[in-house]
Amino acid sequence: MRPIVSVATMRESDAYTIANLVPSKELMYRAAMGVYQAVAWKGRVGILTGSGNNGGDGYALACILADRGIPCQVLRVSEKFSEDGRYYYEKAAEKGVPITLFAPEDSLEGFDLLVDCMLGTGFSGTPRGLFQQAIEAINTSGAYVVSVDINSGMNGDSGEGALVVHADLTVTIGFLKTGFFQGDSRRHIDALTVVDIGIQLLRADGYLEETHGLPFPLNSISLEEVTGD
């Protein structure tokens, strides 16, 4: 059985792990490594980043791609950073990754693969401003789309969202979120991969007992695959 967690449970488990087991920057790097391993990288790659740790995952991913000689471009949808996000942003810039601010007039149609690292599991409401414009541009780009942790615009608990990224692959970190099985979420997820990054789960809010009835393929990446241990 696979545990399913709420946003609150995920935050508490994440905070406990950082305080007692694994530094936050290491967890962010593991999350990015899981995304790297989940995707068949090809063509022109764009990574769209927000202001929080979801954006930080994108900067860490850009570092991993740069280290492996895979060209990518980061498009910032916010000028703000989390503490760890700023750390990996600076690392990506040092490695020569092109980093620009997304503009409303930008078209994403020239990209073959887009990575959505904009809005995390705690988001609710309707995306506004650059976030709205970036989501609309992703959804009309024709690129293969990967959402990290959750599709931007989707509420992690309810699965609802007035404007949501439609992803060919959603790579969720740690555990399945309740929102994946609620609301309209299934219209926005074509395939789902769960990455174990070593978060200590404090409790489960539910369990997925069977996978054959799901409307999307479900895969996993182990902690050993992420850390190389």
Protein backbone atom coordinates (compact mmCIF):
# COMPACT_ATOMS: atom_id res chain seq x y z
CA MET A 1 0.00 0.00 0.00
CA ARG A 2 1.19 3.50 -0.84
CA PRO A 3 0.62 6.27 1.73
CA ILE A 4 -1.36 9.34 0.72
CA VAL A 5 -0.73 12.59 2.61
CA SER A 6 -2.30 16.00 3.05
CA VAL A 7 -0.38 19.22 2.56
CA ALA A 8 -0.18 19.70 6.35
CA THR A 9 1.19 16.20 6.91
CA MET A 10 3.77 16.68 4.16
CA ARG A 11 4.95 19.96 5.67
CA GLU A 12 5.22 18.50 9.16
CA SER A 13 7.08 15.43 7.91
CA ASP A 14 9.42 17.60 5.85
CA ALA A 15 10.12 19.90 8.81
CA TYR A 16 10.79 16.93 11.12
CA THR A 17 13.19 15.39 8.62
CA ILE A 18 15.12 18.64 8.18
CA ALA A 19 15.34 19.21 11.93
CA ASN A 20 16.46 15.68 12.78
CA LEU A 21 17.73 13.73 9.79
CA VAL A 22 18.63 15.41 6.48
CA PRO A 23 19.63 19.04 5.77
CA SER A 24 17.14 20.95 3.65
CA LYS A 25 19.59 21.65 0.81
CA GLU A 26 20.31 17.93 0.52
CA LEU A 27 16.59 17.15 0.33
CA MET A 28 16.19 19.73 -2.42
CA TYR A 29 19.06 18.23 -4.37
CA ARG A 30 17.59 14.74 -3.98
CA ALA A 31 14.22 16.00 -5.26
CA ALA A 32 15.91 17.48 -8.32
CA MET A 33 17.88 14.28 -8.88
CA GLY A 34 14.64 12.31 -8.79
CA VAL A 35 13.19 14.57 -11.48
CA TYR A 36 16.33 14.17 -13.53
CA GLN A 37 16.05 10.38 -13.36
CA ALA A 38 12.33 10.35 -14.15
CA VAL A 39 12.62 12.20 -17.48
CA ALA A 40 14.05 11.29 -20.89
CA TRP A 41 15.84 14.60 -21.59
CA LYS A 42 15.90 15.77 -25.18
CA GLY A 43 15.75 18.87 -27.31
CA ARG A 44 15.51 22.40 -25.98
CA VAL A 45 14.73 22.40 -22.24
CA GLY A 46 13.10 25.24 -20.30
CA ILE A 47 12.62 25.33 -16.52
CA LEU A 48 10.05 27.76 -15.14
CA THR A 49 10.67 28.66 -11.49
CA GLY A 50 8.60 30.32 -8.79
CA SER A 51 9.59 31.95 -5.52
CA GLY A 52 9.45 29.03 -3.09
CA ASN A 53 11.16 25.68 -2.66
CA ASN A 54 9.37 24.39 -5.75
CA GLY A 55 11.39 26.95 -7.66
CA GLY A 56 14.45 25.85 -5.74
CA ASP A 57 13.96 22.33 -7.08
CA GLY A 58 14.12 23.85 -10.54
CA TYR A 59 17.40 25.66 -9.88
CA ALA A 60 18.89 22.47 -8.40
CA LEU A 61 17.69 20.57 -11.47
CA ALA A 62 19.39 23.14 -13.71
CA CYS A 63 22.65 22.46 -11.83
CA ILE A 64 22.29 18.70 -12.39
CA LEU A 65 21.59 19.16 -16.09
CA ALA A 66 24.54 21.51 -16.47
CA ASP A 67 26.85 19.01 -14.76
CA ARG A 68 25.77 16.38 -17.29
CA GLY A 69 26.14 18.57 -20.34
CA ILE A 70 22.41 18.92 -20.99
CA PRO A 71 21.63 22.51 -22.08
CA CYS A 72 18.68 24.20 -20.41
CA GLN A 73 17.30 27.68 -19.83
CA VAL A 74 15.67 28.89 -16.62
CA LEU A 75 12.75 31.31 -16.88
CA ARG A 76 11.97 32.96 -13.56
CA VAL A 77 8.29 33.66 -12.94
CA SER A 78 9.14 35.44 -9.68
CA GLU A 79 12.07 37.57 -8.61
CA LYS A 80 11.87 36.17 -5.06
CA PHE A 81 13.66 33.13 -3.61
CA SER A 82 13.46 30.79 -0.68
CA GLU A 83 16.77 30.47 1.20
CA ASP A 84 17.64 27.15 -0.44
CA GLY A 85 16.28 28.33 -3.76
CA ARG A 86 18.69 31.26 -3.77
CA TYR A 87 21.57 28.86 -3.00
CA TYR A 88 20.85 26.70 -6.04
CA TYR A 89 20.05 29.75 -8.19
CA GLU A 90 23.54 31.06 -7.51
CA LYS A 91 25.05 27.64 -8.21
CA ALA A 92 23.19 27.41 -11.53
CA ALA A 93 24.36 30.90 -12.52
CA GLU A 94 27.96 29.95 -11.66
CA LYS A 95 27.64 26.93 -13.97
CA GLY A 96 26.62 29.20 -16.83
CA VAL A 97 22.95 28.27 -17.02
CA PRO A 98 21.03 31.02 -18.90
CA ILE A 99 18.55 32.55 -16.44
CA THR A 100 16.01 35.18 -17.52
CA LEU A 101 12.78 36.63 -16.21
CA PHE A 102 9.68 35.29 -17.96
CA ALA A 103 7.85 38.07 -19.77
CA PRO A 104 4.14 38.16 -20.70
CA GLU A 105 4.96 38.36 -24.40
CA ASP A 106 7.26 35.32 -24.24
CA SER A 107 6.23 32.31 -26.29
CA LEU A 108 7.31 28.87 -25.11
CA GLU A 109 6.61 27.20 -28.44
CA GLY A 110 10.31 26.83 -29.24
CA PHE A 111 10.92 24.46 -26.33
CA ASP A 112 10.75 20.69 -26.69
CA LEU A 113 10.52 20.03 -22.94
CA LEU A 114 9.26 22.35 -20.20
CA VAL A 115 9.64 21.80 -16.45
CA ASP A 116 7.03 23.40 -14.21
CA CYS A 117 8.56 24.44 -10.87
CA MET A 118 6.33 27.41 -10.15
CA LEU A 119 3.63 26.78 -7.53
CA GLY A 120 3.78 24.12 -4.83
CA THR A 121 1.27 21.93 -3.02
CA GLY A 122 0.06 24.67 -0.67
CA PHE A 123 -1.23 26.94 -3.42
CA SER A 124 -4.93 27.74 -3.54
CA GLY A 125 -6.97 30.19 -5.54
CA THR A 126 -6.40 31.44 -9.05
CA PRO A 127 -2.91 32.17 -10.46
CA ARG A 128 -2.45 35.83 -11.27
CA GLY A 129 0.03 37.99 -13.16
CA LEU A 130 3.11 36.25 -14.54
CA PHE A 131 2.01 32.91 -13.06
CA GLN A 132 -1.26 33.02 -14.99
CA GLN A 133 0.54 34.00 -18.19
CA ALA A 134 3.22 31.33 -17.73
CA ILE A 135 0.66 28.56 -17.15
CA GLU A 136 -1.29 29.61 -20.23
CA ALA A 137 1.94 29.69 -22.27
CA ILE A 138 2.93 26.20 -21.05
CA ASN A 139 -0.47 24.77 -21.89
CA THR A 140 -0.33 26.09 -25.45
CA SER A 141 3.36 25.42 -26.09
CA GLY A 142 3.09 21.96 -27.61
CA ALA A 143 6.12 20.89 -25.53
CA TYR A 144 6.41 17.79 -23.35
CA VAL A 145 5.60 19.12 -19.86
CA VAL A 146 6.93 17.89 -16.52
CA SER A 147 5.43 19.26 -13.30
CA VAL A 148 7.56 18.99 -10.16
CA ASP A 149 5.76 17.85 -6.99
CA ILE A 150 2.36 19.05 -8.22
CA ASN A 151 0.94 20.75 -11.30
CA SER A 152 1.12 24.50 -10.74
CA GLY A 153 -2.30 25.95 -9.96
CA MET A 154 -3.62 22.73 -8.39
CA ASN A 155 -4.52 22.63 -4.70
CA GLY A 156 -2.60 19.81 -3.02
CA ASP A 157 -5.52 18.75 -0.85
CA SER A 158 -8.58 19.25 -3.04
CA GLY A 159 -7.16 18.75 -6.52
CA GLU A 160 -9.09 21.84 -7.60
CA GLY A 161 -7.73 24.76 -9.58
CA ALA A 162 -9.15 27.44 -11.84
CA LEU A 163 -6.04 27.40 -14.05
CA VAL A 164 -3.71 24.40 -13.86
CA VAL A 165 -0.66 23.22 -15.81
CA HIS A 166 -1.47 20.14 -17.87
CA ALA A 167 1.53 17.83 -17.48
CA ASP A 168 2.57 14.83 -19.50
CA LEU A 169 4.42 13.72 -16.35
CA THR A 170 4.04 14.85 -12.75
CA VAL A 171 7.02 13.95 -10.54
CA THR A 172 5.85 14.23 -6.95
CA ILE A 173 8.27 14.36 -4.06
CA GLY A 174 8.07 12.05 -1.06
CA PHE A 175 4.53 10.73 -1.12
CA LEU A 176 1.27 10.82 -3.04
CA LYS A 177 -0.83 13.89 -2.28
CA THR A 178 -4.56 13.73 -1.53
CA GLY A 179 -5.24 16.22 -4.32
CA PHE A 180 -4.15 13.70 -6.95
CA PHE A 181 -7.32 11.74 -6.28
CA GLN A 182 -9.76 14.63 -5.82
CA GLY A 183 -11.51 17.23 -7.95
CA ASP A 184 -10.42 17.66 -11.55
CA SER A 185 -6.81 16.61 -10.98
CA ARG A 186 -7.03 13.60 -13.28
CA ARG A 187 -7.67 15.90 -16.24
CA HIS A 188 -4.26 17.50 -15.71
CA ILE A 189 -2.05 14.45 -14.98
CA ASP A 190 -1.11 12.04 -17.77
CA ALA A 191 1.45 10.06 -15.76
CA LEU A 192 2.73 10.20 -12.18
CA THR A 193 6.07 9.27 -10.62
CA VAL A 194 6.75 9.31 -6.87
CA VAL A 195 10.32 10.03 -5.74
CA ASP A 196 11.54 8.86 -2.33
CA ILE A 197 14.02 11.44 -1.02
CA GLY A 198 14.22 10.16 2.56
CA ILE A 199 11.47 12.18 4.24
CA GLN A 200 10.35 10.59 7.51
CA LEU A 201 6.57 10.21 7.27
CA LEU A 202 4.91 11.15 10.57
CA ARG A 203 1.53 9.71 9.63
CA ALA A 204 -0.52 8.70 6.62
CA ASP A 205 -3.83 10.37 5.83
CA GLY A 206 -4.87 7.47 3.61
CA TYR A 207 -3.54 4.64 1.50
CA LEU A 208 -3.65 3.69 -2.15
CA GLU A 209 -4.28 -0.04 -2.10
CA GLU A 210 -4.51 -0.72 -5.84
CA THR A 211 -3.03 1.00 -8.87
CA HIS A 212 -4.61 -0.85 -11.77
CA GLY A 213 -7.77 1.31 -11.67
CA LEU A 214 -5.94 4.62 -11.87
CA PRO A 215 -6.46 6.82 -14.95
CA PHE A 216 -2.69 7.40 -15.24
CA PRO A 217 0.45 5.23 -15.03
CA LEU A 218 2.09 5.34 -11.59
CA ASN A 219 5.83 4.74 -11.14
CA SER A 220 8.37 5.11 -8.35
CA ILE A 221 12.01 6.13 -7.92
CA SER A 222 13.70 4.77 -4.80
CA LEU A 223 15.89 6.60 -2.31
CA GLU A 224 18.80 4.38 -3.38
CA GLU A 225 18.39 5.51 -6.99
CA VAL A 226 18.37 9.15 -5.92
CA THR A 227 21.35 9.02 -3.57
CA GLY A 228 23.38 6.36 -5.37
CA ASP A 229 23.69 4.30 -2.16
